[in-house]
Amino acid sequence: MAVDPGFQARLAQLIQDELRGMRGFVALLEREEALLVHSQIDALALLAEEKTALYRALQRLSDDRLAMFARVGAKVTNENIRIVLAGNPEALTAWSEVVALADQAKERNRVNGQLITQRLQNNQQALTTLLAAAEHPQIYGPDGQSRPTGGSRHLGSV
């Protein structure tokens, strides 16, 4: 693949930017997991905004990389990136770290999704229990013992 000399430098800079973003994204996912584990649900709303903003920034960097390669008529592949960066060991190392962090982010996001699903299931079970209790309230007699609620007669019926 023939590219101009500035292409490698631009790609290397883009990858450095992506590396910083991916490090921040993985750290954010770690914070999200900690909040989920410790039931700090209110803090998740703020974190979600930050997560969305960082995801969009990473997506823009990925789109820029895609556009760079499209301009030279090539696809963005791990192999093509390594070919372009062959003369820049620091950028190659950064790219390897980006790939590893992307895998780590995918796994952390999967785990966080499971934690959210588990929390939703627990909340649904609690809500079901509360709604069932509301439909069948316990009534206590003068002796403090519970007794079943009235029969099938409605108020005002004989």
C-alpha atoms as a PDB file:
ATOM      1  CA  MET A   1       0.000   0.000   0.000  1.00  0.00           C
ATOM      2  CA  ALA A   2       1.541   3.284  -1.093  1.00  0.00           C
ATOM      3  CA  VAL A   3       0.921   6.236   1.208  1.00  0.00           C
ATOM      4  CA  ASP A   4       2.454   9.682   1.484  1.00  0.00           C
ATOM      5  CA  PRO A   5       4.999  10.269   4.281  1.00  0.00           C
ATOM      6  CA  GLY A   6       2.538  12.329   6.317  1.00  0.00           C
ATOM      7  CA  PHE A   7       0.016   9.490   6.387  1.00  0.00           C
ATOM      8  CA  GLN A   8       2.034   7.465   8.900  1.00  0.00           C
ATOM      9  CA  ALA A   9       2.477  10.497  11.165  1.00  0.00           C
ATOM     10  CA  ARG A  10      -1.250  11.358  11.022  1.00  0.00           C
ATOM     11  CA  LEU A  11      -2.210   7.737  11.714  1.00  0.00           C
ATOM     12  CA  ALA A  12       0.251   7.528  14.611  1.00  0.00           C
ATOM     13  CA  GLN A  13      -1.236  10.694  16.149  1.00  0.00           C
ATOM     14  CA  LEU A  14      -4.767   9.395  15.664  1.00  0.00           C
ATOM     15  CA  ILE A  15      -3.848   6.148  17.403  1.00  0.00           C
ATOM     16  CA  GLN A  16      -2.277   8.046  20.320  1.00  0.00           C
ATOM     17  CA  ASP A  17      -5.529  10.012  20.672  1.00  0.00           C
ATOM     18  CA  GLU A  18      -7.510   6.789  20.504  1.00  0.00           C
ATOM     19  CA  LEU A  19      -5.246   5.192  23.105  1.00  0.00           C
ATOM     20  CA  ARG A  20      -5.901   8.034  25.559  1.00  0.00           C
ATOM     21  CA  GLY A  21      -9.624   7.760  24.876  1.00  0.00           C
ATOM     22  CA  MET A  22      -9.677   3.979  25.310  1.00  0.00           C
ATOM     23  CA  ARG A  23      -7.795   4.201  28.599  1.00  0.00           C
ATOM     24  CA  GLY A  24     -10.369   6.692  29.835  1.00  0.00           C
ATOM     25  CA  PHE A  25     -13.246   4.567  28.560  1.00  0.00           C
ATOM     26  CA  VAL A  26     -12.016   1.412  30.300  1.00  0.00           C
ATOM     27  CA  ALA A  27     -11.504   3.386  33.533  1.00  0.00           C
ATOM     28  CA  LEU A  28     -15.056   4.707  33.188  1.00  0.00           C
ATOM     29  CA  LEU A  29     -16.394   1.168  32.735  1.00  0.00           C
ATOM     30  CA  GLU A  30     -14.511   0.129  35.877  1.00  0.00           C
ATOM     31  CA  ARG A  31     -16.176   2.992  37.782  1.00  0.00           C
ATOM     32  CA  GLU A  32     -19.546   1.943  36.371  1.00  0.00           C
ATOM     33  CA  GLU A  33     -19.000  -1.611  37.606  1.00  0.00           C
ATOM     34  CA  ALA A  34     -18.077  -0.388  41.085  1.00  0.00           C
ATOM     35  CA  LEU A  35     -21.213   1.775  41.236  1.00  0.00           C
ATOM     36  CA  LEU A  36     -23.369  -1.150  40.153  1.00  0.00           C
ATOM     37  CA  VAL A  37     -21.786  -3.528  42.671  1.00  0.00           C
ATOM     38  CA  HIS A  38     -22.229  -1.016  45.513  1.00  0.00           C
ATOM     39  CA  SER A  39     -25.786  -0.080  44.459  1.00  0.00           C
ATOM     40  CA  GLN A  40     -24.936   3.591  43.902  1.00  0.00           C
ATOM     41  CA  ILE A  41     -27.602   3.908  41.269  1.00  0.00           C
ATOM     42  CA  ASP A  42     -28.001   7.701  41.412  1.00  0.00           C
ATOM     43  CA  ALA A  43     -24.374   8.217  40.358  1.00  0.00           C
ATOM     44  CA  LEU A  44     -24.929   6.080  37.262  1.00  0.00           C
ATOM     45  CA  ALA A  45     -26.950   8.802  35.504  1.00  0.00           C
ATOM     46  CA  LEU A  46     -24.002  11.211  35.503  1.00  0.00           C
ATOM     47  CA  LEU A  47     -21.661   8.434  34.491  1.00  0.00           C
ATOM     48  CA  ALA A  48     -23.951   7.505  31.592  1.00  0.00           C
ATOM     49  CA  GLU A  49     -23.638  11.015  30.155  1.00  0.00           C
ATOM     50  CA  GLU A  50     -19.861  10.866  30.443  1.00  0.00           C
ATOM     51  CA  LYS A  51     -19.821   7.386  28.909  1.00  0.00           C
ATOM     52  CA  THR A  52     -21.888   8.537  25.940  1.00  0.00           C
ATOM     53  CA  ALA A  53     -19.665  11.561  25.320  1.00  0.00           C
ATOM     54  CA  LEU A  54     -16.490   9.470  25.475  1.00  0.00           C
ATOM     55  CA  TYR A  55     -17.992   6.801  23.228  1.00  0.00           C
ATOM     56  CA  ARG A  56     -18.880   9.450  20.644  1.00  0.00           C
ATOM     57  CA  ALA A  57     -15.339  10.864  20.769  1.00  0.00           C
ATOM     58  CA  LEU A  58     -13.905   7.386  20.215  1.00  0.00           C
ATOM     59  CA  GLN A  59     -16.326   6.815  17.358  1.00  0.00           C
ATOM     60  CA  ARG A  60     -15.168  10.053  15.692  1.00  0.00           C
ATOM     61  CA  LEU A  61     -11.548   8.881  15.931  1.00  0.00           C
ATOM     62  CA  SER A  62     -12.497   5.556  14.397  1.00  0.00           C
ATOM     63  CA  ASP A  63     -14.396   7.360  11.618  1.00  0.00           C
ATOM     64  CA  ASP A  64     -11.316   9.548  10.982  1.00  0.00           C
ATOM     65  CA  ARG A  65      -9.151   6.435  10.656  1.00  0.00           C
ATOM     66  CA  LEU A  66     -11.680   4.922   8.262  1.00  0.00           C
ATOM     67  CA  ALA A  67     -11.705   8.113   6.156  1.00  0.00           C
ATOM     68  CA  MET A  68      -7.897   8.245   6.063  1.00  0.00           C
ATOM     69  CA  PHE A  69      -7.678   4.738   4.665  1.00  0.00           C
ATOM     70  CA  ALA A  70     -10.577   5.296   2.277  1.00  0.00           C
ATOM     71  CA  ARG A  71      -8.722   8.268   0.745  1.00  0.00           C
ATOM     72  CA  VAL A  72      -5.838   5.960  -0.204  1.00  0.00           C
ATOM     73  CA  GLY A  73      -8.194   3.219  -1.396  1.00  0.00           C
ATOM     74  CA  ALA A  74      -7.538   0.789   1.432  1.00  0.00           C
ATOM     75  CA  LYS A  75      -9.606  -0.846   4.132  1.00  0.00           C
ATOM     76  CA  VAL A  76      -8.954  -0.393   7.820  1.00  0.00           C
ATOM     77  CA  THR A  77      -7.593  -3.726   8.953  1.00  0.00           C
ATOM     78  CA  ASN A  78      -5.175  -4.670  11.674  1.00  0.00           C
ATOM     79  CA  GLU A  79      -2.765  -5.830   8.952  1.00  0.00           C
ATOM     80  CA  ASN A  80      -2.963  -2.545   6.985  1.00  0.00           C
ATOM     81  CA  ILE A  81      -2.448  -0.476  10.115  1.00  0.00           C
ATOM     82  CA  ARG A  82       0.602  -2.545  10.987  1.00  0.00           C
ATOM     83  CA  ILE A  83       1.966  -2.137   7.451  1.00  0.00           C
ATOM     84  CA  VAL A  84       1.623   1.652   7.614  1.00  0.00           C
ATOM     85  CA  LEU A  85       3.154   1.830  11.088  1.00  0.00           C
ATOM     86  CA  ALA A  86       5.962  -0.669  10.372  1.00  0.00           C
ATOM     87  CA  GLY A  87       8.621   2.037  10.695  1.00  0.00           C
ATOM     88  CA  ASN A  88       7.194   3.432  13.941  1.00  0.00           C
ATOM     89  CA  PRO A  89       7.552   0.922  16.815  1.00  0.00           C
ATOM     90  CA  GLU A  90       6.024   3.343  19.345  1.00  0.00           C
ATOM     91  CA  ALA A  91       2.868   3.695  17.239  1.00  0.00           C
ATOM     92  CA  LEU A  92       2.734  -0.080  16.717  1.00  0.00           C
ATOM     93  CA  THR A  93       2.857  -0.594  20.473  1.00  0.00           C
ATOM     94  CA  ALA A  94       0.123   2.011  20.940  1.00  0.00           C
ATOM     95  CA  TRP A  95      -2.039   0.272  18.327  1.00  0.00           C
ATOM     96  CA  SER A  96      -1.593  -3.090  20.077  1.00  0.00           C
ATOM     97  CA  GLU A  97      -2.686  -1.456  23.317  1.00  0.00           C
ATOM     98  CA  VAL A  98      -5.729   0.106  21.622  1.00  0.00           C
ATOM     99  CA  VAL A  99      -6.770  -3.329  20.353  1.00  0.00           C
ATOM    100  CA  ALA A 100      -6.253  -4.904  23.794  1.00  0.00           C
ATOM    101  CA  LEU A 101      -8.182  -2.096  25.514  1.00  0.00           C
ATOM    102  CA  ALA A 102     -11.039  -2.467  23.031  1.00  0.00           C
ATOM    103  CA  ASP A 103     -11.289  -6.150  23.964  1.00  0.00           C
ATOM    104  CA  GLN A 104     -11.156  -5.242  27.649  1.00  0.00           C
ATOM    105  CA  ALA A 105     -13.865  -2.587  27.182  1.00  0.00           C
ATOM    106  CA  LYS A 106     -16.086  -5.090  25.384  1.00  0.00           C
ATOM    107  CA  GLU A 107     -15.757  -7.574  28.266  1.00  0.00           C
ATOM    108  CA  ARG A 108     -16.322  -4.944  30.973  1.00  0.00           C
ATOM    109  CA  ASN A 109     -19.365  -3.656  29.127  1.00  0.00           C
ATOM    110  CA  ARG A 110     -20.728  -7.229  28.946  1.00  0.00           C
ATOM    111  CA  VAL A 111     -20.218  -7.727  32.695  1.00  0.00           C
ATOM    112  CA  ASN A 112     -21.841  -4.372  33.483  1.00  0.00           C
ATOM    113  CA  GLY A 113     -24.778  -5.339  31.284  1.00  0.00           C
ATOM    114  CA  GLN A 114     -25.186  -8.534  33.307  1.00  0.00           C
ATOM    115  CA  LEU A 115     -25.089  -6.546  36.560  1.00  0.00           C
ATOM    116  CA  ILE A 116     -27.767  -4.200  35.230  1.00  0.00           C
ATOM    117  CA  THR A 117     -29.921  -7.130  34.107  1.00  0.00           C
ATOM    118  CA  GLN A 118     -29.557  -8.755  37.534  1.00  0.00           C
ATOM    119  CA  ARG A 119     -30.533  -5.507  39.284  1.00  0.00           C
ATOM    120  CA  LEU A 120     -33.566  -5.122  37.019  1.00  0.00           C
ATOM    121  CA  GLN A 121     -34.659  -8.686  37.781  1.00  0.00           C
ATOM    122  CA  ASN A 122     -34.296  -8.078  41.524  1.00  0.00           C
ATOM    123  CA  ASN A 123     -36.302  -4.852  41.262  1.00  0.00           C
ATOM    124  CA  GLN A 124     -39.001  -6.610  39.234  1.00  0.00           C
ATOM    125  CA  GLN A 125     -39.270  -9.376  41.849  1.00  0.00           C
ATOM    126  CA  ALA A 126     -39.524  -6.825  44.651  1.00  0.00           C
ATOM    127  CA  LEU A 127     -42.174  -4.883  42.747  1.00  0.00           C
ATOM    128  CA  THR A 128     -44.157  -8.056  42.083  1.00  0.00           C
ATOM    129  CA  THR A 129     -44.033  -8.914  45.789  1.00  0.00           C
ATOM    130  CA  LEU A 130     -45.157  -5.419  46.802  1.00  0.00           C
ATOM    131  CA  LEU A 131     -48.001  -5.402  44.298  1.00  0.00           C
ATOM    132  CA  ALA A 132     -49.182  -8.812  45.463  1.00  0.00           C
ATOM    133  CA  ALA A 133     -49.134  -7.630  49.084  1.00  0.00           C
ATOM    134  CA  ALA A 134     -51.130  -4.532  48.134  1.00  0.00           C
ATOM    135  CA  GLU A 135     -53.828  -6.705  46.549  1.00  0.00           C
ATOM    136  CA  HIS A 136     -54.157  -8.846  49.674  1.00  0.00           C
ATOM    137  CA  PRO A 137     -53.646  -6.584  52.682  1.00  0.00           C
ATOM    138  CA  GLN A 138     -53.427  -8.182  56.097  1.00  0.00           C
ATOM    139  CA  ILE A 139     -55.996  -7.032  58.614  1.00  0.00           C
ATOM    140  CA  TYR A 140     -55.292  -7.381  62.304  1.00  0.00           C
ATOM    141  CA  GLY A 141     -57.987  -8.072  64.894  1.00  0.00           C
ATOM    142  CA  PRO A 142     -58.246  -6.566  68.380  1.00  0.00           C
ATOM    143  CA  ASP A 143     -56.068  -9.401  69.694  1.00  0.00           C
ATOM    144  CA  GLY A 144     -53.203  -8.412  67.306  1.00  0.00           C
ATOM    145  CA  GLN A 145     -53.546 -11.573  65.242  1.00  0.00           C
ATOM    146  CA  SER A 146     -53.832 -11.295  61.462  1.00  0.00           C
ATOM    147  CA  ARG A 147     -57.020 -12.443  59.895  1.00  0.00           C
ATOM    148  CA  PRO A 148     -57.979 -12.812  56.293  1.00  0.00           C
ATOM    149  CA  THR A 149     -59.636  -9.922  54.570  1.00  0.00           C
ATOM    150  CA  GLY A 150     -63.373  -9.961  54.007  1.00  0.00           C
ATOM    151  CA  GLY A 151     -65.075 -12.500  51.804  1.00  0.00           C
ATOM    152  CA  SER A 152     -66.473 -11.913  48.394  1.00  0.00           C
ATOM    153  CA  ARG A 153     -69.224  -9.544  49.522  1.00  0.00           C
ATOM    154  CA  HIS A 154     -68.996  -5.966  48.373  1.00  0.00           C
ATOM    155  CA  LEU A 155     -69.802  -2.968  50.481  1.00  0.00           C
ATOM    156  CA  GLY A 156     -73.486  -2.219  50.416  1.00  0.00           C
ATOM    157  CA  SER A 157     -74.477  -5.757  49.427  1.00  0.00           C
ATOM    158  CA  VAL A 158     -76.766  -7.850  51.569  1.00  0.00           C
END
